[in-house]
């Protein structure tokens, strides 16, 4: 593993941007292709927004863990909310509550997550909450960038990279 970034975030939408930008910054530093960076940033945003919209965690903090490996990123989001069952998720395109007491047409997030991630796993956390693990394969702008990431991965993040 190159780096593990763990964030304990409050129940506040403004912190989602921080989680997204931290991951983006490291992927840009590693010279990952732009589409993969955008996909990861969208995954972080969507999964965090789901916690804030649906977890009903009563102000509890939630965790965002990004593990950067040479060939993939593993994103884990863990909340302490009420949890859910897929059979109870409203259909795509239905009206639902939004931030600030408004309404929105929603339900497309699960499909989006499935399209962007290479692997997604949802599991209940005991005694409360949900843990989502999403994995995204990473592609690099050059063979040299991929080789640098592989060296960092093998050395546990302890390596010198030519920044030229």
N, C-alpha and C. Protein backbone atom coordinates (compact mmCIF):
# COMPACT_ATOMS: atom_id res chain seq x y z
N UNK A 1 0.84 -1.18 0.00
CA UNK A 1 0.00 0.00 0.00
C UNK A 1 0.89 1.24 0.00
N UNK A 2 0.48 2.23 -0.77
CA UNK A 2 1.21 3.49 -0.84
C UNK A 2 0.85 4.37 0.35
N UNK A 3 -0.45 4.51 0.61
CA UNK A 3 -0.89 5.42 1.66
C UNK A 3 -2.31 5.06 2.08
N UNK A 4 -2.59 5.21 3.36
CA UNK A 4 -3.95 5.05 3.87
C UNK A 4 -4.36 6.37 4.50
N UNK A 5 -5.44 6.93 3.98
CA UNK A 5 -5.97 8.20 4.46
C UNK A 5 -7.28 7.90 5.17
N UNK A 6 -7.36 8.20 6.47
CA UNK A 6 -8.56 7.95 7.25
C UNK A 6 -9.09 9.27 7.77
N UNK A 7 -10.36 9.54 7.46
CA UNK A 7 -11.02 10.77 7.92
C UNK A 7 -12.21 10.40 8.79
N UNK A 8 -12.35 11.09 9.89
CA UNK A 8 -13.53 10.97 10.74
C UNK A 8 -14.29 12.27 10.55
N UNK A 9 -15.42 12.20 9.87
CA UNK A 9 -16.11 13.42 9.45
C UNK A 9 -17.42 13.64 10.21
N UNK A 10 -17.74 14.91 10.47
CA UNK A 10 -19.03 15.22 11.10
C UNK A 10 -20.17 15.11 10.09
N UNK A 11 -21.36 15.09 10.61
CA UNK A 11 -22.58 15.01 9.82
C UNK A 11 -22.86 16.38 9.20
N UNK A 12 -22.01 16.76 8.22
CA UNK A 12 -22.08 18.09 7.62
C UNK A 12 -21.61 17.98 6.18
N UNK A 13 -22.47 18.36 5.24
CA UNK A 13 -22.18 18.21 3.81
C UNK A 13 -20.93 18.97 3.37
N UNK A 14 -20.57 20.04 4.06
CA UNK A 14 -19.42 20.84 3.63
C UNK A 14 -18.10 20.06 3.74
N UNK A 15 -18.05 19.02 4.56
CA UNK A 15 -16.82 18.24 4.71
C UNK A 15 -16.62 17.22 3.59
N UNK A 16 -17.66 16.94 2.83
CA UNK A 16 -17.53 16.00 1.72
C UNK A 16 -16.50 16.51 0.71
N UNK A 17 -16.51 17.79 0.48
CA UNK A 17 -15.56 18.40 -0.47
C UNK A 17 -14.11 18.12 -0.04
N UNK A 18 -13.84 18.19 1.24
CA UNK A 18 -12.49 17.92 1.75
C UNK A 18 -12.08 16.48 1.43
N UNK A 19 -12.96 15.53 1.69
CA UNK A 19 -12.65 14.13 1.41
C UNK A 19 -12.39 13.91 -0.08
N UNK A 20 -13.19 14.55 -0.92
CA UNK A 20 -13.02 14.42 -2.37
C UNK A 20 -11.68 15.00 -2.82
N UNK A 21 -11.36 16.20 -2.33
CA UNK A 21 -10.15 16.89 -2.78
C UNK A 21 -8.86 16.23 -2.28
N UNK A 22 -8.88 15.67 -1.09
CA UNK A 22 -7.67 14.98 -0.60
C UNK A 22 -7.33 13.80 -1.49
N UNK A 23 -8.33 13.01 -1.84
CA UNK A 23 -8.09 11.87 -2.74
C UNK A 23 -7.64 12.33 -4.11
N UNK A 24 -8.30 13.35 -4.64
CA UNK A 24 -7.94 13.89 -5.96
C UNK A 24 -6.48 14.35 -5.97
N UNK A 25 -6.08 15.06 -4.93
CA UNK A 25 -4.73 15.61 -4.87
C UNK A 25 -3.68 14.51 -4.92
N UNK A 26 -3.87 13.44 -4.16
CA UNK A 26 -2.89 12.36 -4.17
C UNK A 26 -2.87 11.66 -5.53
N UNK A 27 -4.03 11.40 -6.11
CA UNK A 27 -4.07 10.74 -7.41
C UNK A 27 -3.41 11.59 -8.50
N UNK A 28 -3.61 12.90 -8.43
CA UNK A 28 -2.93 13.79 -9.38
C UNK A 28 -1.43 13.73 -9.17
N UNK A 29 -0.99 13.71 -7.92
CA UNK A 29 0.44 13.62 -7.59
C UNK A 29 1.05 12.33 -8.16
N UNK A 30 0.28 11.26 -8.15
CA UNK A 30 0.76 9.98 -8.66
C UNK A 30 0.63 9.87 -10.18
N UNK A 31 0.06 10.89 -10.83
CA UNK A 31 -0.13 10.93 -12.28
C UNK A 31 -1.08 9.84 -12.79
N UNK A 32 -2.17 9.66 -12.04
CA UNK A 32 -3.25 8.77 -12.47
C UNK A 32 -4.02 9.50 -13.57
N UNK A 33 -4.57 8.75 -14.52
CA UNK A 33 -5.32 9.38 -15.62
C UNK A 33 -6.54 10.12 -15.07
N UNK A 34 -6.89 11.20 -15.75
CA UNK A 34 -7.96 12.08 -15.30
C UNK A 34 -9.30 11.40 -15.11
N UNK A 35 -9.67 10.46 -15.99
CA UNK A 35 -10.96 9.79 -15.86
C UNK A 35 -11.04 8.99 -14.56
N UNK A 36 -9.96 8.31 -14.19
CA UNK A 36 -9.96 7.56 -12.93
C UNK A 36 -10.07 8.52 -11.73
N UNK A 37 -9.37 9.65 -11.80
CA UNK A 37 -9.44 10.64 -10.73
C UNK A 37 -10.88 11.16 -10.59
N UNK A 38 -11.50 11.49 -11.70
CA UNK A 38 -12.89 11.97 -11.67
C UNK A 38 -13.82 10.90 -11.10
N UNK A 39 -13.62 9.65 -11.51
CA UNK A 39 -14.46 8.56 -11.02
C UNK A 39 -14.33 8.40 -9.51
N UNK A 40 -13.11 8.43 -9.01
CA UNK A 40 -12.88 8.28 -7.57
C UNK A 40 -13.52 9.45 -6.82
N UNK A 41 -13.33 10.65 -7.33
CA UNK A 41 -13.91 11.82 -6.67
C UNK A 41 -15.44 11.73 -6.63
N UNK A 42 -16.05 11.27 -7.70
CA UNK A 42 -17.50 11.09 -7.74
C UNK A 42 -17.94 10.00 -6.77
N UNK A 43 -17.20 8.89 -6.72
CA UNK A 43 -17.52 7.82 -5.76
C UNK A 43 -17.49 8.33 -4.33
N UNK A 44 -16.44 9.06 -3.98
CA UNK A 44 -16.34 9.61 -2.62
C UNK A 44 -17.54 10.50 -2.34
N UNK A 45 -17.84 11.40 -3.26
CA UNK A 45 -18.95 12.32 -3.06
C UNK A 45 -20.28 11.62 -2.94
N UNK A 46 -20.53 10.64 -3.79
CA UNK A 46 -21.81 9.94 -3.77
C UNK A 46 -21.97 9.11 -2.50
N UNK A 47 -20.93 8.39 -2.12
CA UNK A 47 -21.03 7.54 -0.92
C UNK A 47 -21.16 8.38 0.35
N UNK A 48 -20.42 9.48 0.42
CA UNK A 48 -20.56 10.37 1.59
C UNK A 48 -21.94 11.02 1.62
N UNK A 49 -22.43 11.45 0.49
CA UNK A 49 -23.77 12.06 0.43
C UNK A 49 -24.84 11.06 0.85
N UNK A 50 -24.66 9.79 0.49
CA UNK A 50 -25.62 8.77 0.91
C UNK A 50 -25.66 8.66 2.43
N UNK A 51 -24.51 8.71 3.07
CA UNK A 51 -24.48 8.67 4.53
C UNK A 51 -25.26 9.85 5.09
N UNK A 52 -24.98 11.04 4.58
CA UNK A 52 -25.61 12.24 5.12
C UNK A 52 -27.11 12.29 4.84
N UNK A 53 -27.54 11.75 3.71
CA UNK A 53 -28.96 11.77 3.37
C UNK A 53 -29.75 10.65 4.04
N UNK A 54 -29.14 9.47 4.17
CA UNK A 54 -29.93 8.29 4.48
C UNK A 54 -29.56 7.56 5.77
N UNK A 55 -28.39 7.77 6.33
CA UNK A 55 -27.95 6.94 7.45
C UNK A 55 -28.73 7.15 8.73
N UNK A 56 -29.28 8.35 8.91
CA UNK A 56 -30.00 8.67 10.14
C UNK A 56 -29.15 8.32 11.36
N UNK A 57 -27.93 8.85 11.36
CA UNK A 57 -26.97 8.52 12.41
C UNK A 57 -27.06 9.44 13.62
N UNK A 58 -27.99 10.36 13.62
CA UNK A 58 -28.20 11.21 14.79
C UNK A 58 -26.99 12.05 15.17
N UNK A 59 -26.32 12.61 14.16
CA UNK A 59 -25.18 13.47 14.44
C UNK A 59 -23.87 12.74 14.68
N UNK A 60 -23.89 11.41 14.63
CA UNK A 60 -22.66 10.63 14.79
C UNK A 60 -21.71 10.92 13.63
N UNK A 61 -20.44 10.82 13.89
CA UNK A 61 -19.44 10.97 12.84
C UNK A 61 -19.40 9.71 11.98
N UNK A 62 -18.90 9.85 10.77
CA UNK A 62 -18.72 8.70 9.90
C UNK A 62 -17.28 8.70 9.40
N UNK A 63 -16.85 7.58 8.87
CA UNK A 63 -15.45 7.39 8.47
C UNK A 63 -15.33 7.22 6.97
N UNK A 64 -14.31 7.87 6.42
CA UNK A 64 -13.94 7.74 5.02
C UNK A 64 -12.49 7.27 5.01
N UNK A 65 -12.27 6.09 4.46
CA UNK A 65 -10.91 5.53 4.40
C UNK A 65 -10.57 5.30 2.94
N UNK A 66 -9.49 5.94 2.51
CA UNK A 66 -9.01 5.76 1.14
C UNK A 66 -7.65 5.08 1.22
N UNK A 67 -7.56 3.88 0.66
CA UNK A 67 -6.30 3.14 0.62
C UNK A 67 -5.79 3.16 -0.81
N UNK A 68 -4.63 3.77 -0.98
CA UNK A 68 -4.03 3.92 -2.30
C UNK A 68 -2.99 2.83 -2.51
N UNK A 69 -3.22 2.01 -3.52
CA UNK A 69 -2.29 0.95 -3.93
C UNK A 69 -1.83 1.29 -5.34
N UNK A 70 -0.79 0.63 -5.80
CA UNK A 70 -0.27 0.93 -7.13
C UNK A 70 -1.31 0.66 -8.22
N UNK A 71 -2.07 -0.40 -8.07
CA UNK A 71 -2.99 -0.78 -9.14
C UNK A 71 -4.45 -0.45 -8.87
N UNK A 72 -4.78 -0.04 -7.65
CA UNK A 72 -6.17 0.26 -7.33
C UNK A 72 -6.27 1.15 -6.10
N UNK A 73 -7.46 1.68 -5.92
CA UNK A 73 -7.81 2.43 -4.72
C UNK A 73 -8.98 1.70 -4.07
N UNK A 74 -8.91 1.51 -2.76
CA UNK A 74 -10.03 0.95 -2.02
C UNK A 74 -10.61 2.06 -1.17
N UNK A 75 -11.90 2.28 -1.32
CA UNK A 75 -12.62 3.33 -0.62
C UNK A 75 -13.60 2.65 0.34
N UNK A 76 -13.48 2.95 1.62
CA UNK A 76 -14.39 2.40 2.63
C UNK A 76 -15.09 3.55 3.32
N UNK A 77 -16.42 3.48 3.35
CA UNK A 77 -17.23 4.46 4.05
C UNK A 77 -18.01 3.71 5.12
N UNK A 78 -17.88 4.15 6.35
CA UNK A 78 -18.53 3.46 7.47
C UNK A 78 -19.33 4.45 8.30
N UNK A 79 -20.61 4.13 8.50
CA UNK A 79 -21.44 5.01 9.32
C UNK A 79 -22.05 4.20 10.46
N UNK A 80 -22.63 4.90 11.40
CA UNK A 80 -23.28 4.28 12.57
C UNK A 80 -24.77 4.59 12.57
N UNK A 81 -25.36 4.61 11.39
CA UNK A 81 -26.78 4.92 11.26
C UNK A 81 -27.64 3.69 11.45
N UNK A 82 -28.85 3.78 10.94
CA UNK A 82 -29.83 2.72 11.13
C UNK A 82 -29.61 1.53 10.22
N UNK A 83 -28.81 1.70 9.17
CA UNK A 83 -28.61 0.62 8.21
C UNK A 83 -29.79 0.56 7.25
N UNK A 84 -29.70 -0.31 6.25
CA UNK A 84 -30.77 -0.43 5.27
C UNK A 84 -30.74 -1.81 4.65
N UNK A 85 -31.86 -2.15 4.01
CA UNK A 85 -31.97 -3.37 3.23
C UNK A 85 -32.26 -2.96 1.79
N UNK A 86 -31.65 -3.60 0.83
CA UNK A 86 -31.85 -3.24 -0.57
C UNK A 86 -33.32 -3.31 -0.97
N UNK A 87 -34.07 -4.23 -0.38
CA UNK A 87 -35.49 -4.36 -0.73
C UNK A 87 -36.28 -3.12 -0.32
N UNK A 88 -35.76 -2.32 0.61
CA UNK A 88 -36.46 -1.13 1.09
C UNK A 88 -36.03 0.16 0.39
N UNK A 89 -35.06 0.07 -0.51
CA UNK A 89 -34.58 1.26 -1.21
C UNK A 89 -35.63 1.67 -2.25
N UNK A 90 -36.08 2.95 -2.22
CA UNK A 90 -37.08 3.40 -3.20
C UNK A 90 -36.55 3.27 -4.63
N UNK A 91 -37.45 3.14 -5.55
CA UNK A 91 -37.10 2.97 -6.97
C UNK A 91 -36.41 4.23 -7.51
N UNK A 92 -35.60 4.03 -8.55
CA UNK A 92 -34.95 5.15 -9.24
C UNK A 92 -36.01 6.08 -9.79
N UNK A 93 -35.71 7.38 -9.73
CA UNK A 93 -36.60 8.37 -10.32
C UNK A 93 -37.77 8.77 -9.45
N UNK A 94 -37.74 8.40 -8.18
CA UNK A 94 -38.83 8.77 -7.28
C UNK A 94 -38.47 10.01 -6.46
N UNK A 95 -39.49 10.68 -5.96
CA UNK A 95 -39.30 11.88 -5.15
C UNK A 95 -38.85 11.45 -3.75
N UNK A 96 -37.90 12.19 -3.22
CA UNK A 96 -37.40 11.91 -1.88
C UNK A 96 -36.91 13.19 -1.24
N UNK A 97 -36.67 13.15 0.05
CA UNK A 97 -36.21 14.33 0.79
C UNK A 97 -34.80 14.72 0.34
N UNK A 98 -34.52 16.00 0.41
CA UNK A 98 -33.20 16.52 0.08
C UNK A 98 -32.69 17.35 1.25
N UNK A 99 -31.45 17.79 1.16
CA UNK A 99 -30.87 18.65 2.18
C UNK A 99 -31.70 19.91 2.32
N UNK A 100 -31.81 20.44 3.52
CA UNK A 100 -32.51 21.68 3.75
C UNK A 100 -34.03 21.57 3.71
N UNK A 101 -34.55 20.33 3.78
CA UNK A 101 -35.99 20.14 3.82
C UNK A 101 -36.68 20.13 2.47
N UNK A 102 -35.92 20.26 1.39
CA UNK A 102 -36.53 20.24 0.06
C UNK A 102 -36.78 18.83 -0.44
N UNK A 103 -37.18 18.75 -1.69
CA UNK A 103 -37.39 17.46 -2.34
C UNK A 103 -36.55 17.38 -3.60
N UNK A 104 -36.28 16.17 -4.02
CA UNK A 104 -35.51 15.94 -5.24
C UNK A 104 -35.95 14.63 -5.87
N UNK A 105 -35.67 14.48 -7.12
CA UNK A 105 -35.85 13.20 -7.80
C UNK A 105 -34.54 12.46 -7.61
N UNK A 106 -34.58 11.26 -7.07
CA UNK A 106 -33.34 10.57 -6.75
C UNK A 106 -33.41 9.09 -7.03
N UNK A 107 -32.45 8.41 -6.44
CA UNK A 107 -32.39 6.96 -6.56
C UNK A 107 -31.43 6.45 -7.61
N UNK A 108 -30.62 7.34 -8.16
CA UNK A 108 -29.69 6.92 -9.21
C UNK A 108 -28.29 6.62 -8.68
N UNK A 109 -28.06 6.92 -7.40
CA UNK A 109 -26.74 6.79 -6.82
C UNK A 109 -26.19 5.39 -6.81
N UNK A 110 -27.00 4.40 -6.49
CA UNK A 110 -26.52 3.02 -6.43
C UNK A 110 -26.05 2.56 -7.80
N UNK A 111 -26.81 2.91 -8.83
CA UNK A 111 -26.40 2.52 -10.19
C UNK A 111 -25.10 3.23 -10.56
N UNK A 112 -25.00 4.52 -10.24
CA UNK A 112 -23.78 5.29 -10.53
C UNK A 112 -22.57 4.67 -9.84
N UNK A 113 -22.73 4.34 -8.58
CA UNK A 113 -21.63 3.71 -7.83
C UNK A 113 -21.21 2.41 -8.51
N UNK A 114 -22.18 1.61 -8.93
CA UNK A 114 -21.88 0.35 -9.60
C UNK A 114 -21.19 0.53 -10.94
N UNK A 115 -21.49 1.62 -11.63
CA UNK A 115 -20.86 1.90 -12.92
C UNK A 115 -19.42 2.39 -12.77
N UNK A 116 -19.16 3.17 -11.73
CA UNK A 116 -17.83 3.78 -11.56
C UNK A 116 -16.82 2.86 -10.87
N UNK A 117 -17.29 2.03 -9.97
CA UNK A 117 -16.40 1.16 -9.21
C UNK A 117 -16.26 -0.18 -9.93
N UNK A 118 -15.11 -0.81 -9.73
CA UNK A 118 -14.89 -2.14 -10.29
C UNK A 118 -15.45 -3.22 -9.39
N UNK A 119 -15.59 -2.89 -8.11
CA UNK A 119 -16.17 -3.83 -7.14
C UNK A 119 -16.80 -3.00 -6.04
N UNK A 120 -18.00 -3.39 -5.60
CA UNK A 120 -18.69 -2.70 -4.50
C UNK A 120 -19.28 -3.74 -3.58
N UNK A 121 -19.10 -3.53 -2.30
CA UNK A 121 -19.67 -4.43 -1.29
C UNK A 121 -20.35 -3.59 -0.21
N UNK A 122 -21.59 -3.91 0.09
CA UNK A 122 -22.33 -3.27 1.18
C UNK A 122 -22.49 -4.30 2.28
N UNK A 123 -22.24 -3.89 3.52
CA UNK A 123 -22.49 -4.81 4.64
C UNK A 123 -22.94 -4.02 5.86
N UNK A 124 -23.72 -4.66 6.67
CA UNK A 124 -24.18 -4.05 7.91
C UNK A 124 -23.02 -4.02 8.90
N UNK A 125 -22.95 -2.95 9.68
CA UNK A 125 -21.95 -2.83 10.74
C UNK A 125 -22.66 -3.09 12.06
N UNK A 126 -22.06 -3.88 12.91
CA UNK A 126 -22.67 -4.16 14.21
C UNK A 126 -22.21 -3.15 15.24
N UNK A 127 -23.06 -2.69 16.10
CA UNK A 127 -24.47 -3.02 16.17
C UNK A 127 -25.33 -2.17 15.25
N UNK A 128 -24.81 -1.06 14.73
CA UNK A 128 -25.59 -0.18 13.85
C UNK A 128 -24.74 0.26 12.67
N UNK A 129 -25.42 0.59 11.60
CA UNK A 129 -24.75 1.25 10.49
C UNK A 129 -24.48 0.36 9.30
N UNK A 130 -23.78 0.97 8.35
CA UNK A 130 -23.46 0.33 7.09
C UNK A 130 -22.01 0.62 6.75
N UNK A 131 -21.34 -0.37 6.19
CA UNK A 131 -20.00 -0.19 5.65
C UNK A 131 -20.07 -0.50 4.16
N UNK A 132 -19.55 0.43 3.36
CA UNK A 132 -19.47 0.23 1.92
C UNK A 132 -18.00 0.21 1.54
N UNK A 133 -17.61 -0.79 0.79
CA UNK A 133 -16.25 -0.89 0.27
C UNK A 133 -16.34 -0.89 -1.25
N UNK A 134 -15.70 0.11 -1.86
CA UNK A 134 -15.67 0.22 -3.32
C UNK A 134 -14.22 0.19 -3.77
N UNK A 135 -13.97 -0.52 -4.84
CA UNK A 135 -12.61 -0.63 -5.36
C UNK A 135 -12.59 -0.11 -6.79
N UNK A 136 -11.56 0.65 -7.10
CA UNK A 136 -11.39 1.22 -8.44
C UNK A 136 -9.98 0.94 -8.92
N UNK A 137 -9.86 0.27 -10.07
CA UNK A 137 -8.53 0.06 -10.68
C UNK A 137 -7.99 1.41 -11.14
N UNK A 138 -6.68 1.57 -11.02
CA UNK A 138 -6.04 2.83 -11.42
C UNK A 138 -5.19 2.63 -12.66
N UNK A 139 -5.24 3.64 -13.53
CA UNK A 139 -4.42 3.67 -14.74
C UNK A 139 -3.60 4.94 -14.70
N UNK A 140 -2.41 4.87 -15.26
CA UNK A 140 -1.47 5.99 -15.15
C UNK A 140 -1.23 6.67 -16.49
N UNK A 141 -0.79 7.91 -16.40
CA UNK A 141 -0.54 8.72 -17.59
C UNK A 141 0.66 8.22 -18.38
N UNK A 142 1.55 7.47 -17.73
CA UNK A 142 2.74 6.96 -18.41
C UNK A 142 3.23 5.71 -17.71
N UNK A 143 4.07 4.97 -18.41
CA UNK A 143 4.69 3.79 -17.80
C UNK A 143 5.60 4.20 -16.64
N UNK A 144 6.25 5.34 -16.76
CA UNK A 144 7.13 5.82 -15.68
C UNK A 144 6.32 6.12 -14.41
N UNK A 145 5.15 6.72 -14.57
CA UNK A 145 4.29 7.02 -13.40
C UNK A 145 3.81 5.72 -12.76
N UNK A 146 3.46 4.73 -13.58
CA UNK A 146 3.04 3.44 -13.05
C UNK A 146 4.19 2.76 -12.29
N UNK A 147 5.39 2.87 -12.84
CA UNK A 147 6.56 2.28 -12.18
C UNK A 147 6.86 2.98 -10.85
N UNK A 148 6.72 4.31 -10.83
CA UNK A 148 6.92 5.06 -9.58
C UNK A 148 5.91 4.61 -8.52
N UNK A 149 4.64 4.45 -8.92
CA UNK A 149 3.61 4.01 -7.99
C UNK A 149 3.91 2.60 -7.49
N UNK A 150 4.38 1.73 -8.36
CA UNK A 150 4.72 0.36 -7.96
C UNK A 150 5.86 0.37 -6.93
N UNK A 151 6.86 1.23 -7.14
CA UNK A 151 7.96 1.34 -6.18
C UNK A 151 7.46 1.83 -4.82
N UNK A 152 6.59 2.83 -4.83
CA UNK A 152 6.01 3.33 -3.58
C UNK A 152 5.21 2.23 -2.89
N UNK A 153 4.45 1.50 -3.68
CA UNK A 153 3.62 0.43 -3.12
C UNK A 153 4.48 -0.63 -2.45
N UNK A 154 5.56 -1.04 -3.11
CA UNK A 154 6.45 -2.08 -2.57
C UNK A 154 7.18 -1.62 -1.33
N UNK A 155 7.46 -0.33 -1.25
CA UNK A 155 8.23 0.18 -0.12
C UNK A 155 7.34 0.72 1.00
N UNK A 156 6.03 0.52 0.88
CA UNK A 156 5.12 1.01 1.91
C UNK A 156 5.06 2.52 1.96
N UNK A 157 5.25 3.18 0.83
CA UNK A 157 5.19 4.64 0.77
C UNK A 157 6.53 5.32 0.98
N UNK A 158 7.59 4.55 1.19
CA UNK A 158 8.91 5.11 1.44
C UNK A 158 9.76 4.99 0.17
N UNK A 159 9.70 6.00 -0.69
CA UNK A 159 10.48 5.98 -1.92
C UNK A 159 10.67 7.40 -2.41
N UNK A 160 11.67 7.56 -3.25
CA UNK A 160 11.92 8.86 -3.88
C UNK A 160 11.36 8.80 -5.30
N UNK A 161 10.59 9.83 -5.65
CA UNK A 161 10.01 9.90 -6.99
C UNK A 161 10.55 11.14 -7.68
N UNK A 162 10.97 10.96 -8.92
CA UNK A 162 11.42 12.11 -9.72
C UNK A 162 10.21 12.93 -10.12
N UNK A 163 10.12 14.17 -9.66
CA UNK A 163 8.96 15.02 -9.90
C UNK A 163 9.08 15.83 -11.18
N UNK A 164 10.09 15.56 -11.99
CA UNK A 164 10.29 16.31 -13.23
C UNK A 164 9.24 16.00 -14.26
